[in-house]
Amino acid sequence: MLNTAPGIKSNIGDQIPVDFVTNGIICSAYYYANKKGVHVVHSGSSEKNPVTWNTSTYIIRKFWRENPSIKAVQRPMFELVPSKLELKVNLVYFSIKTIII
């Protein structure tokens, strides 16, 4: 399980529902099907609805703690760490903890 990832908690992330992205791909493919050249299409949400990674991880953890899966192996945990050293330390710690449990 992924418990730690590199990142800065205060950064704003584009978090777009998969159906929005899928619809955008389908519409773009139709629109550009008979047009020559290279076309770049972008989907983003952070300009109108900015959400930091810290807020996003808090909301997701809170949801899963209040609505645990019956097949859950452990309580939900996730942490963004800003440095590679901190990431390596966390990965080793969680690997050892998983082996012991």
Protein backbone atom coordinates (compact mmCIF):
# COMPACT_ATOMS: atom_id res chain seq x y z
CA MET A 1 0.00 0.00 0.00
CA LEU A 2 1.13 3.53 -0.75
CA ASN A 3 1.54 5.39 2.55
CA THR A 4 4.05 8.05 1.55
CA ALA A 5 4.71 10.04 -1.62
CA PRO A 6 6.98 12.94 -2.51
CA GLY A 7 5.19 16.27 -2.53
CA ILE A 8 4.58 19.59 -0.88
CA LYS A 9 1.35 19.76 1.13
CA SER A 10 0.68 23.42 0.35
CA ASN A 11 0.82 22.94 -3.44
CA ILE A 12 -2.43 23.11 -5.37
CA GLY A 13 -3.25 20.00 -7.38
CA ASP A 14 -5.53 19.51 -10.36
CA GLN A 15 -7.87 16.79 -9.18
CA ILE A 16 -10.36 16.07 -11.90
CA PRO A 17 -13.05 13.38 -11.87
CA VAL A 18 -12.28 10.64 -14.38
CA ASP A 19 -15.57 11.13 -16.23
CA PHE A 20 -14.62 14.77 -17.00
CA VAL A 21 -11.29 13.67 -18.43
CA THR A 22 -12.91 10.85 -20.44
CA ASN A 23 -15.55 13.18 -21.88
CA GLY A 24 -12.84 15.69 -22.78
CA ILE A 25 -10.82 13.03 -24.62
CA ILE A 26 -13.86 11.82 -26.57
CA CYS A 27 -14.96 15.36 -27.52
CA SER A 28 -11.42 16.38 -28.49
CA ALA A 29 -10.96 13.28 -30.65
CA TYR A 30 -14.22 14.03 -32.48
CA TYR A 31 -13.43 17.74 -32.88
CA TYR A 32 -9.87 17.24 -34.17
CA ALA A 33 -10.46 14.03 -36.18
CA ASN A 34 -10.27 15.71 -39.60
CA LYS A 35 -7.98 18.61 -38.76
CA LYS A 36 -4.31 18.56 -39.67
CA GLY A 37 -1.50 19.32 -37.29
CA VAL A 38 -0.67 18.59 -33.69
CA HIS A 39 -3.28 19.62 -31.14
CA VAL A 40 -2.84 19.89 -27.40
CA VAL A 41 -5.86 19.69 -25.13
CA HIS A 42 -5.70 20.41 -21.41
CA SER A 43 -8.15 19.71 -18.60
CA GLY A 44 -7.70 21.60 -15.36
CA SER A 45 -9.65 22.66 -12.33
CA SER A 46 -7.22 24.50 -10.07
CA GLU A 47 -7.92 27.95 -11.49
CA LYS A 48 -11.58 28.00 -10.38
CA ASN A 49 -11.53 25.51 -7.50
CA PRO A 50 -8.03 25.43 -5.99
CA VAL A 51 -7.49 22.64 -3.47
CA THR A 52 -4.19 21.97 -1.74
CA TRP A 53 -2.87 18.44 -1.47
CA ASN A 54 -3.08 18.77 2.31
CA THR A 55 -6.83 19.50 2.17
CA SER A 56 -7.41 16.72 -0.33
CA THR A 57 -5.57 14.06 1.71
CA TYR A 58 -7.39 15.19 4.87
CA ILE A 59 -10.81 14.81 3.21
CA ILE A 60 -9.98 11.38 1.78
CA ARG A 61 -8.56 10.07 5.09
CA LYS A 62 -11.58 11.41 6.98
CA PHE A 63 -14.00 9.74 4.56
CA TRP A 64 -12.34 6.31 4.83
CA ARG A 65 -12.02 6.52 8.61
CA GLU A 66 -15.75 7.30 8.90
CA ASN A 67 -16.71 4.74 6.22
CA PRO A 68 -14.24 1.85 6.54
CA SER A 69 -14.24 -0.93 3.98
CA ILE A 70 -15.12 -4.37 5.31
CA LYS A 71 -12.06 -5.65 3.44
CA ALA A 72 -9.67 -3.07 4.92
CA VAL A 73 -6.24 -4.36 5.91
CA GLN A 74 -5.26 -1.28 7.91
CA ARG A 75 -6.50 2.19 8.77
CA PRO A 76 -6.01 4.69 5.95
CA MET A 77 -2.73 6.59 6.21
CA PHE A 78 -1.07 8.83 3.66
CA GLU A 79 1.60 11.47 4.01
CA LEU A 80 3.31 13.82 1.56
CA VAL A 81 6.95 14.45 2.35
CA PRO A 82 9.02 17.26 0.82
CA SER A 83 12.46 15.61 0.74
CA LYS A 84 13.86 12.42 -0.80
CA LEU A 85 15.56 11.49 2.48
CA GLU A 86 12.29 11.77 4.42
CA LEU A 87 10.56 9.71 1.73
CA LYS A 88 13.16 6.93 1.98
CA VAL A 89 12.96 6.87 5.79
CA ASN A 90 9.15 6.62 5.66
CA LEU A 91 9.22 3.88 3.02
CA VAL A 92 11.68 1.80 5.08
CA TYR A 93 9.66 2.35 8.27
CA PHE A 94 6.36 1.31 6.68
CA SER A 95 8.02 -1.70 4.99
CA ILE A 96 9.40 -2.95 8.31
CA LYS A 97 6.12 -2.23 10.09
CA THR A 98 4.19 -4.21 7.44
CA ILE A 99 6.57 -7.20 7.72
CA ILE A 100 6.31 -7.25 11.52
CA ILE A 101 2.51 -7.08 11.49
